[in-house]
Amino acid sequence: MTGTEDFAVELPGGARMPLLGFGTWQLRGEQARRAVAWALEAGYRHIDTATMYRNEAEVGAAVAEAGLPRDQVFVTTKLPPEQAASPRRTLERSLEALGLDQVDLWLVHWPPRGQARPDTWEAFVRAQQDGLTRDIGVSNYSLEQVDELTKATGVTPAVDQVEWGPTLYDKGFLDGCHVRGVALEGYSPFRSGDLSHPVLTRIAERHDVTPAQVVVRWHLQHGVTVIPRSSRRDRIRSNADVAGLALDDDEMAAVDGMSSGA
């Protein structure tokens, strides 16, 4: 195990979403299956995929081959915006590819044509009621779009997954999610910033860890789900090896300060 099991958030549907997840964007075929297998071996218990990633079958195969109890692996997939008119059929195909009867979290991947689309969200609510997904959420939605869905249906997204990292830190957005009871999940934690930034390298040297580990731990201490992605076994393990790392208040503030939205 990674030693980060206590870092999790309870979602409205009853699922416990680990704050440390494994992203699978750009991983295809055998590379995807192997990387997910390594992630599960390293202790990750949250796997993030999407219909548009075209790797759900490989992700599902790796999860099945790991032999872990189903309730110990949190699986997320996402609806492509171009499938906003046929969400139920898309989810059923995702479940078939994954080899699962139910996913733990289903997200609208992007606002379809930039719109919140309450009609699509209503289909998500029905899918949850029918047991095809434990929780439902969105990705790349603004707080205003989240509010639009809530106003139209009475159901607030459990999660909003957005690009997030030290240089994208936005306290107002994070606080807005908290006020609404929405769990914030960040993707591409390393892409948005420079891992050679002196703030990160200085903290990493102080703790004898990598800058990437500093970024992962920073997410966890903010209560933000992080889904680093790698195809390399050593980096997959290293990114998860943060249980013995703790950033103090000054270090957290220094990383926060890398963004103009702090």
C-alpha atoms as a PDB file:
ATOM      1  CA  MET A   1       0.000   0.000   0.000  1.00  0.00           C
ATOM      2  CA  THR A   2       1.047   3.613  -0.488  1.00  0.00           C
ATOM      3  CA  GLY A   3       0.441   4.696   3.096  1.00  0.00           C
ATOM      4  CA  THR A   4      -1.972   7.378   1.862  1.00  0.00           C
ATOM      5  CA  GLU A   5      -5.144   5.396   2.612  1.00  0.00           C
ATOM      6  CA  ASP A   6      -6.361   8.008   5.098  1.00  0.00           C
ATOM      7  CA  PHE A   7      -6.417  10.638   2.341  1.00  0.00           C
ATOM      8  CA  ALA A   8      -9.916  10.153   0.961  1.00  0.00           C
ATOM      9  CA  VAL A   9     -13.210  11.996   0.614  1.00  0.00           C
ATOM     10  CA  GLU A  10     -16.667  10.602   1.251  1.00  0.00           C
ATOM     11  CA  LEU A  11     -18.965  11.210  -1.714  1.00  0.00           C
ATOM     12  CA  PRO A  12     -22.767  11.592  -1.521  1.00  0.00           C
ATOM     13  CA  GLY A  13     -23.400   8.169  -3.040  1.00  0.00           C
ATOM     14  CA  GLY A  14     -21.466   6.493  -0.249  1.00  0.00           C
ATOM     15  CA  ALA A  15     -18.216   5.862  -2.111  1.00  0.00           C
ATOM     16  CA  ARG A  16     -14.917   6.733  -0.470  1.00  0.00           C
ATOM     17  CA  MET A  17     -12.758   8.352  -3.158  1.00  0.00           C
ATOM     18  CA  PRO A  18      -8.997   8.073  -2.523  1.00  0.00           C
ATOM     19  CA  LEU A  19      -7.297  11.448  -2.996  1.00  0.00           C
ATOM     20  CA  LEU A  20      -4.379   9.699  -4.694  1.00  0.00           C
ATOM     21  CA  GLY A  21      -5.403   8.288  -8.037  1.00  0.00           C
ATOM     22  CA  PHE A  22      -3.725   7.081 -11.208  1.00  0.00           C
ATOM     23  CA  GLY A  23      -4.441   8.852 -14.487  1.00  0.00           C
ATOM     24  CA  THR A  24      -4.483   6.981 -17.791  1.00  0.00           C
ATOM     25  CA  TRP A  25      -4.740   9.773 -20.369  1.00  0.00           C
ATOM     26  CA  GLN A  26      -2.605   8.993 -23.472  1.00  0.00           C
ATOM     27  CA  LEU A  27      -1.978   5.421 -22.308  1.00  0.00           C
ATOM     28  CA  ARG A  28      -3.166   2.903 -24.882  1.00  0.00           C
ATOM     29  CA  GLY A  29      -3.181  -0.828 -25.442  1.00  0.00           C
ATOM     30  CA  GLU A  30      -0.690  -2.991 -23.600  1.00  0.00           C
ATOM     31  CA  GLN A  31       1.049   0.103 -22.233  1.00  0.00           C
ATOM     32  CA  ALA A  32      -2.182   1.105 -20.491  1.00  0.00           C
ATOM     33  CA  ARG A  33      -2.835  -2.363 -19.084  1.00  0.00           C
ATOM     34  CA  ARG A  34       0.716  -2.670 -17.806  1.00  0.00           C
ATOM     35  CA  ALA A  35       0.782   0.812 -16.249  1.00  0.00           C
ATOM     36  CA  VAL A  36      -2.510   0.270 -14.413  1.00  0.00           C
ATOM     37  CA  ALA A  37      -1.249  -3.101 -13.183  1.00  0.00           C
ATOM     38  CA  TRP A  38       1.901  -1.435 -11.836  1.00  0.00           C
ATOM     39  CA  ALA A  39      -0.168   1.291 -10.214  1.00  0.00           C
ATOM     40  CA  LEU A  40      -2.376  -1.217  -8.417  1.00  0.00           C
ATOM     41  CA  GLU A  41       0.723  -3.160  -7.397  1.00  0.00           C
ATOM     42  CA  ALA A  42       2.191   0.053  -5.965  1.00  0.00           C
ATOM     43  CA  GLY A  43      -0.913   0.658  -3.866  1.00  0.00           C
ATOM     44  CA  TYR A  44      -3.016   3.050  -5.924  1.00  0.00           C
ATOM     45  CA  ARG A  45      -6.695   2.312  -5.357  1.00  0.00           C
ATOM     46  CA  HIS A  46      -8.227   4.942  -7.623  1.00  0.00           C
ATOM     47  CA  ILE A  47      -8.005   4.563 -11.403  1.00  0.00           C
ATOM     48  CA  ASP A  48      -9.164   7.327 -13.749  1.00  0.00           C
ATOM     49  CA  THR A  49     -10.114   6.649 -17.364  1.00  0.00           C
ATOM     50  CA  ALA A  50     -12.548   8.070 -19.937  1.00  0.00           C
ATOM     51  CA  THR A  51     -14.402   6.975 -23.039  1.00  0.00           C
ATOM     52  CA  MET A  52     -12.292   9.297 -25.174  1.00  0.00           C
ATOM     53  CA  TYR A  53      -9.066   7.756 -23.841  1.00  0.00           C
ATOM     54  CA  ARG A  54      -9.909   4.553 -25.726  1.00  0.00           C
ATOM     55  CA  ASN A  55      -8.337   2.378 -23.047  1.00  0.00           C
ATOM     56  CA  GLU A  56     -11.286   1.288 -20.909  1.00  0.00           C
ATOM     57  CA  ALA A  57     -10.898  -2.362 -21.935  1.00  0.00           C
ATOM     58  CA  GLU A  58      -7.239  -2.383 -20.920  1.00  0.00           C
ATOM     59  CA  VAL A  59      -7.975  -0.584 -17.657  1.00  0.00           C
ATOM     60  CA  GLY A  60     -10.713  -3.076 -16.882  1.00  0.00           C
ATOM     61  CA  ALA A  61      -8.438  -6.004 -17.694  1.00  0.00           C
ATOM     62  CA  ALA A  62      -5.735  -4.729 -15.344  1.00  0.00           C
ATOM     63  CA  VAL A  63      -8.252  -4.199 -12.546  1.00  0.00           C
ATOM     64  CA  ALA A  64      -9.623  -7.722 -13.013  1.00  0.00           C
ATOM     65  CA  GLU A  65      -6.165  -9.285 -13.179  1.00  0.00           C
ATOM     66  CA  ALA A  66      -5.133  -7.576  -9.929  1.00  0.00           C
ATOM     67  CA  GLY A  67      -7.651  -9.769  -8.110  1.00  0.00           C
ATOM     68  CA  LEU A  68      -8.548  -7.090  -5.578  1.00  0.00           C
ATOM     69  CA  PRO A  69     -12.017  -6.931  -4.017  1.00  0.00           C
ATOM     70  CA  ARG A  70     -14.196  -4.686  -6.175  1.00  0.00           C
ATOM     71  CA  ASP A  71     -14.910  -2.321  -3.298  1.00  0.00           C
ATOM     72  CA  GLN A  72     -11.195  -1.659  -2.874  1.00  0.00           C
ATOM     73  CA  VAL A  73     -10.656  -0.123  -6.335  1.00  0.00           C
ATOM     74  CA  PHE A  74     -12.337   3.175  -7.162  1.00  0.00           C
ATOM     75  CA  VAL A  75     -12.937   3.454 -10.922  1.00  0.00           C
ATOM     76  CA  THR A  76     -13.840   6.686 -12.743  1.00  0.00           C
ATOM     77  CA  THR A  77     -14.811   7.094 -16.374  1.00  0.00           C
ATOM     78  CA  LYS A  78     -16.156  10.067 -18.333  1.00  0.00           C
ATOM     79  CA  LEU A  79     -18.699  10.931 -20.998  1.00  0.00           C
ATOM     80  CA  PRO A  80     -17.328  12.644 -24.138  1.00  0.00           C
ATOM     81  CA  PRO A  81     -19.127  15.956 -24.750  1.00  0.00           C
ATOM     82  CA  GLU A  82     -20.072  14.877 -28.271  1.00  0.00           C
ATOM     83  CA  GLN A  83     -22.096  12.035 -26.705  1.00  0.00           C
ATOM     84  CA  ALA A  84     -24.174  14.420 -24.590  1.00  0.00           C
ATOM     85  CA  ALA A  85     -27.338  13.366 -26.419  1.00  0.00           C
ATOM     86  CA  SER A  86     -26.827   9.642 -25.695  1.00  0.00           C
ATOM     87  CA  PRO A  87     -25.218   9.398 -22.244  1.00  0.00           C
ATOM     88  CA  ARG A  88     -26.923   6.205 -21.087  1.00  0.00           C
ATOM     89  CA  ARG A  89     -25.832   4.190 -24.104  1.00  0.00           C
ATOM     90  CA  THR A  90     -22.288   5.547 -23.766  1.00  0.00           C
ATOM     91  CA  LEU A  91     -22.094   4.538 -20.111  1.00  0.00           C
ATOM     92  CA  GLU A  92     -23.381   1.058 -20.887  1.00  0.00           C
ATOM     93  CA  ARG A  93     -20.634   0.653 -23.483  1.00  0.00           C
ATOM     94  CA  SER A  94     -18.056   1.893 -20.970  1.00  0.00           C
ATOM     95  CA  LEU A  95     -19.236  -0.640 -18.409  1.00  0.00           C
ATOM     96  CA  GLU A  96     -19.029  -3.403 -21.002  1.00  0.00           C
ATOM     97  CA  ALA A  97     -15.474  -2.392 -21.941  1.00  0.00           C
ATOM     98  CA  LEU A  98     -14.426  -2.138 -18.293  1.00  0.00           C
ATOM     99  CA  GLY A  99     -16.062  -5.452 -17.426  1.00  0.00           C
ATOM    100  CA  LEU A 100     -17.953  -3.829 -14.558  1.00  0.00           C
ATOM    101  CA  ASP A 101     -21.591  -3.628 -13.515  1.00  0.00           C
ATOM    102  CA  GLN A 102     -21.049  -0.212 -11.969  1.00  0.00           C
ATOM    103  CA  VAL A 103     -18.412   2.529 -11.912  1.00  0.00           C
ATOM    104  CA  ASP A 104     -17.702   4.492  -8.774  1.00  0.00           C
ATOM    105  CA  LEU A 105     -17.755   7.873 -10.496  1.00  0.00           C
ATOM    106  CA  TRP A 106     -19.030   9.039 -13.874  1.00  0.00           C
ATOM    107  CA  LEU A 107     -18.148  12.523 -15.099  1.00  0.00           C
ATOM    108  CA  VAL A 108     -19.229  14.785 -17.944  1.00  0.00           C
ATOM    109  CA  HIS A 109     -15.792  15.193 -19.501  1.00  0.00           C
ATOM    110  CA  TRP A 110     -16.249  18.750 -20.814  1.00  0.00           C
ATOM    111  CA  PRO A 111     -19.246  21.089 -20.960  1.00  0.00           C
ATOM    112  CA  PRO A 112     -20.871  20.087 -24.275  1.00  0.00           C
ATOM    113  CA  ARG A 113     -20.265  22.968 -26.682  1.00  0.00           C
ATOM    114  CA  GLY A 114     -19.382  25.030 -23.634  1.00  0.00           C
ATOM    115  CA  GLN A 115     -22.855  24.581 -22.120  1.00  0.00           C
ATOM    116  CA  ALA A 116     -23.754  23.037 -18.760  1.00  0.00           C
ATOM    117  CA  ARG A 117     -26.506  20.871 -20.363  1.00  0.00           C
ATOM    118  CA  PRO A 118     -28.955  20.110 -17.512  1.00  0.00           C
ATOM    119  CA  ASP A 119     -30.684  17.586 -19.800  1.00  0.00           C
ATOM    120  CA  THR A 120     -27.505  15.517 -19.924  1.00  0.00           C
ATOM    121  CA  TRP A 121     -27.127  15.903 -16.166  1.00  0.00           C
ATOM    122  CA  GLU A 122     -30.662  14.585 -15.669  1.00  0.00           C
ATOM    123  CA  ALA A 123     -29.568  11.419 -17.515  1.00  0.00           C
ATOM    124  CA  PHE A 124     -26.616  11.166 -15.131  1.00  0.00           C
ATOM    125  CA  VAL A 125     -28.966  11.400 -12.161  1.00  0.00           C
ATOM    126  CA  ARG A 126     -31.114   8.593 -13.589  1.00  0.00           C
ATOM    127  CA  ALA A 127     -28.060   6.415 -14.218  1.00  0.00           C
ATOM    128  CA  GLN A 128     -27.043   6.856 -10.600  1.00  0.00           C
ATOM    129  CA  GLN A 129     -30.558   6.024  -9.414  1.00  0.00           C
ATOM    130  CA  ASP A 130     -30.458   2.887 -11.569  1.00  0.00           C
ATOM    131  CA  GLY A 131     -27.188   1.756 -10.001  1.00  0.00           C
ATOM    132  CA  LEU A 132     -24.902   2.109 -13.013  1.00  0.00           C
ATOM    133  CA  THR A 133     -22.658   4.535 -11.131  1.00  0.00           C
ATOM    134  CA  ARG A 134     -22.278   5.237  -7.433  1.00  0.00           C
ATOM    135  CA  ASP A 135     -21.573   8.945  -7.838  1.00  0.00           C
ATOM    136  CA  ILE A 136     -21.768  11.507 -10.619  1.00  0.00           C
ATOM    137  CA  GLY A 137     -19.823  14.651 -11.357  1.00  0.00           C
ATOM    138  CA  VAL A 138     -18.369  16.924 -13.986  1.00  0.00           C
ATOM    139  CA  SER A 139     -15.012  17.887 -15.411  1.00  0.00           C
ATOM    140  CA  ASN A 140     -13.809  21.286 -16.598  1.00  0.00           C
ATOM    141  CA  TYR A 141     -16.993  23.012 -15.377  1.00  0.00           C
ATOM    142  CA  SER A 142     -17.058  26.503 -13.890  1.00  0.00           C
ATOM    143  CA  LEU A 143     -18.752  27.100 -10.555  1.00  0.00           C
ATOM    144  CA  GLU A 144     -21.529  28.912 -12.409  1.00  0.00           C
ATOM    145  CA  GLN A 145     -22.141  25.835 -14.563  1.00  0.00           C
ATOM    146  CA  VAL A 146     -22.172  23.634 -11.468  1.00  0.00           C
ATOM    147  CA  ASP A 147     -24.802  25.939  -9.981  1.00  0.00           C
ATOM    148  CA  GLU A 148     -26.858  25.721 -13.165  1.00  0.00           C
ATOM    149  CA  LEU A 149     -27.014  21.931 -12.878  1.00  0.00           C
ATOM    150  CA  THR A 150     -27.956  22.121  -9.218  1.00  0.00           C
ATOM    151  CA  LYS A 151     -30.690  24.679  -9.858  1.00  0.00           C
ATOM    152  CA  ALA A 152     -32.166  22.667 -12.718  1.00  0.00           C
ATOM    153  CA  THR A 153     -32.156  19.237 -11.071  1.00  0.00           C
ATOM    154  CA  GLY A 154     -31.670  19.650  -7.325  1.00  0.00           C
ATOM    155  CA  VAL A 155     -28.578  17.430  -7.578  1.00  0.00           C
ATOM    156  CA  THR A 156     -25.108  18.942  -7.188  1.00  0.00           C
ATOM    157  CA  PRO A 157     -22.151  17.239  -8.889  1.00  0.00           C
ATOM    158  CA  ALA A 158     -20.153  15.271  -6.330  1.00  0.00           C
ATOM    159  CA  VAL A 159     -16.869  16.099  -8.079  1.00  0.00           C
ATOM    160  CA  ASP A 160     -15.459  18.704 -10.430  1.00  0.00           C
ATOM    161  CA  GLN A 161     -12.271  17.493 -12.123  1.00  0.00           C
ATOM    162  CA  VAL A 162     -10.155  20.316 -13.522  1.00  0.00           C
ATOM    163  CA  GLU A 163      -6.562  20.905 -14.513  1.00  0.00           C
ATOM    164  CA  TRP A 164      -4.801  21.767 -11.269  1.00  0.00           C
ATOM    165  CA  GLY A 165      -1.300  22.267  -9.985  1.00  0.00           C
ATOM    166  CA  PRO A 166       0.848  24.789  -8.111  1.00  0.00           C
ATOM    167  CA  THR A 167       0.770  27.393 -10.883  1.00  0.00           C
ATOM    168  CA  LEU A 168      -3.005  26.926 -11.307  1.00  0.00           C
ATOM    169  CA  TYR A 169      -3.872  27.120  -7.611  1.00  0.00           C
ATOM    170  CA  ASP A 170      -7.009  29.227  -7.191  1.00  0.00           C
ATOM    171  CA  LYS A 171      -8.131  29.616  -3.586  1.00  0.00           C
ATOM    172  CA  GLY A 172     -11.438  31.157  -4.655  1.00  0.00           C
ATOM    173  CA  PHE A 173     -12.306  28.171  -6.842  1.00  0.00           C
ATOM    174  CA  LEU A 174     -11.246  25.683  -4.166  1.00  0.00           C
ATOM    175  CA  ASP A 175     -13.305  27.503  -1.524  1.00  0.00           C
ATOM    176  CA  GLY A 176     -16.243  27.690  -3.947  1.00  0.00           C
ATOM    177  CA  CYS A 177     -16.159  23.924  -4.374  1.00  0.00           C
ATOM    178  CA  HIS A 178     -16.048  23.412  -0.608  1.00  0.00           C
ATOM    179  CA  VAL A 179     -19.028  25.710  -0.035  1.00  0.00           C
ATOM    180  CA  ARG A 180     -21.054  23.732  -2.590  1.00  0.00           C
ATOM    181  CA  GLY A 181     -20.026  20.355  -1.198  1.00  0.00           C
ATOM    182  CA  VAL A 182     -18.150  19.547  -4.400  1.00  0.00           C
ATOM    183  CA  ALA A 183     -14.906  17.555  -4.173  1.00  0.00           C
ATOM    184  CA  LEU A 184     -12.168  19.106  -6.296  1.00  0.00           C
ATOM    185  CA  GLU A 185     -10.076  16.712  -8.360  1.00  0.00           C
ATOM    186  CA  GLY A 186      -6.994  17.838 -10.251  1.00  0.00           C
ATOM    187  CA  TYR A 187      -5.546  16.348 -13.423  1.00  0.00           C
ATOM    188  CA  SER A 188      -2.166  16.912 -15.099  1.00  0.00           C
ATOM    189  CA  PRO A 189      -0.528  17.951 -11.811  1.00  0.00           C
ATOM    190  CA  PHE A 190       2.943  18.248 -13.347  1.00  0.00           C
ATOM    191  CA  ARG A 191       2.101  19.592 -16.801  1.00  0.00           C
ATOM    192  CA  SER A 192       0.912  23.030 -15.716  1.00  0.00           C
ATOM    193  CA  GLY A 193       4.115  23.981 -13.923  1.00  0.00           C
ATOM    194  CA  ASP A 194       7.862  23.588 -13.998  1.00  0.00           C
ATOM    195  CA  LEU A 195       9.154  20.836 -11.718  1.00  0.00           C
ATOM    196  CA  SER A 196      12.510  22.620 -11.741  1.00  0.00           C
ATOM    197  CA  HIS A 197      10.934  25.703 -10.140  1.00  0.00           C
ATOM    198  CA  PRO A 198      13.150  26.798  -7.225  1.00  0.00           C
ATOM    199  CA  VAL A 199      10.274  26.618  -4.731  1.00  0.00           C
ATOM    200  CA  LEU A 200       9.726  22.948  -5.529  1.00  0.00           C
ATOM    201  CA  THR A 201      13.392  22.001  -5.785  1.00  0.00           C
ATOM    202  CA  ARG A 202      14.205  23.736  -2.508  1.00  0.00           C
ATOM    203  CA  ILE A 203      11.451  21.908  -0.629  1.00  0.00           C
ATOM    204  CA  ALA A 204      12.331  18.616  -2.328  1.00  0.00           C
ATOM    205  CA  GLU A 205      15.983  18.933  -1.320  1.00  0.00           C
ATOM    206  CA  ARG A 206      14.985  19.735   2.253  1.00  0.00           C
ATOM    207  CA  HIS A 207      12.962  16.521   2.504  1.00  0.00           C
ATOM    208  CA  ASP A 208      15.152  14.369   0.236  1.00  0.00           C
ATOM    209  CA  VAL A 209      12.276  13.713  -2.176  1.00  0.00           C
ATOM    210  CA  THR A 210      11.490  14.617  -5.785  1.00  0.00           C
ATOM    211  CA  PRO A 211       9.693  17.817  -6.834  1.00  0.00           C
ATOM    212  CA  ALA A 212       6.908  15.605  -8.206  1.00  0.00           C
ATOM    213  CA  GLN A 213       6.421  14.094  -4.755  1.00  0.00           C
ATOM    214  CA  VAL A 214       6.185  17.604  -3.309  1.00  0.00           C
ATOM    215  CA  VAL A 215       3.419  18.439  -5.797  1.00  0.00           C
ATOM    216  CA  VAL A 216       1.496  15.245  -4.998  1.00  0.00           C
ATOM    217  CA  ARG A 217       1.740  15.842  -1.260  1.00  0.00           C
ATOM    218  CA  TRP A 218       0.677  19.487  -1.702  1.00  0.00           C
ATOM    219  CA  HIS A 219      -2.540  18.276  -3.373  1.00  0.00           C
ATOM    220  CA  LEU A 220      -3.261  15.793  -0.608  1.00  0.00           C
ATOM    221  CA  GLN A 221      -2.758  18.335   2.156  1.00  0.00           C
ATOM    222  CA  HIS A 222      -5.184  20.686   0.411  1.00  0.00           C
ATOM    223  CA  GLY A 223      -7.740  17.864   0.253  1.00  0.00           C
ATOM    224  CA  VAL A 224      -7.591  17.886  -3.550  1.00  0.00           C
ATOM    225  CA  THR A 225      -7.619  14.592  -5.418  1.00  0.00           C
ATOM    226  CA  VAL A 226      -4.542  14.176  -7.608  1.00  0.00           C
ATOM    227  CA  ILE A 227      -4.182  11.738 -10.521  1.00  0.00           C
ATOM    228  CA  PRO A 228      -0.570  11.665 -11.736  1.00  0.00           C
ATOM    229  CA  ARG A 229       0.048   9.654 -14.882  1.00  0.00           C
ATOM    230  CA  SER A 230       3.164   7.800 -16.016  1.00  0.00           C
ATOM    231  CA  SER A 231       4.032   4.771 -18.101  1.00  0.00           C
ATOM    232  CA  ARG A 232       7.236   4.135 -16.145  1.00  0.00           C
ATOM    233  CA  ARG A 233       7.126   1.716 -13.243  1.00  0.00           C
ATOM    234  CA  ASP A 234       9.667   3.623 -11.153  1.00  0.00           C
ATOM    235  CA  ARG A 235       7.833   6.934 -11.508  1.00  0.00           C
ATOM    236  CA  ILE A 236       4.468   5.329 -10.810  1.00  0.00           C
ATOM    237  CA  ARG A 237       5.866   4.034  -7.520  1.00  0.00           C
ATOM    238  CA  SER A 238       7.740   7.232  -6.686  1.00  0.00           C
ATOM    239  CA  ASN A 239       4.729   9.488  -7.248  1.00  0.00           C
ATOM    240  CA  ALA A 240       2.789   7.467  -4.685  1.00  0.00           C
ATOM    241  CA  ASP A 241       5.571   7.306  -2.109  1.00  0.00           C
ATOM    242  CA  VAL A 242       4.568  10.385  -0.116  1.00  0.00           C
ATOM    243  CA  ALA A 243       3.296   8.923   3.150  1.00  0.00           C
ATOM    244  CA  GLY A 244       6.466   9.908   4.968  1.00  0.00           C
ATOM    245  CA  LEU A 245       6.438  13.440   3.573  1.00  0.00           C
ATOM    246  CA  ALA A 246       4.640  16.312   5.303  1.00  0.00           C
ATOM    247  CA  LEU A 247       4.831  19.945   4.226  1.00  0.00           C
ATOM    248  CA  ASP A 248       4.693  22.569   6.951  1.00  0.00           C
ATOM    249  CA  ASP A 249       2.552  25.702   6.732  1.00  0.00           C
ATOM    250  CA  ASP A 250       5.356  27.810   5.277  1.00  0.00           C
ATOM    251  CA  GLU A 251       6.071  25.216   2.590  1.00  0.00           C
ATOM    252  CA  MET A 252       2.400  24.923   1.675  1.00  0.00           C
ATOM    253  CA  ALA A 253       2.164  28.706   1.419  1.00  0.00           C
ATOM    254  CA  ALA A 254       5.285  28.837  -0.731  1.00  0.00           C
ATOM    255  CA  VAL A 255       3.815  26.340  -3.210  1.00  0.00           C
ATOM    256  CA  ASP A 256       0.485  28.174  -3.147  1.00  0.00           C
ATOM    257  CA  GLY A 257       2.379  31.344  -4.004  1.00  0.00           C
ATOM    258  CA  MET A 258       3.539  29.907  -7.326  1.00  0.00           C
ATOM    259  CA  SER A 259       0.106  30.881  -8.673  1.00  0.00           C
ATOM    260  CA  SER A 260      -1.373  34.321  -9.158  1.00  0.00           C
ATOM    261  CA  GLY A 261      -4.676  32.948  -7.851  1.00  0.00           C
ATOM    262  CA  ALA A 262      -3.347  32.193  -4.381  1.00  0.00           C
END
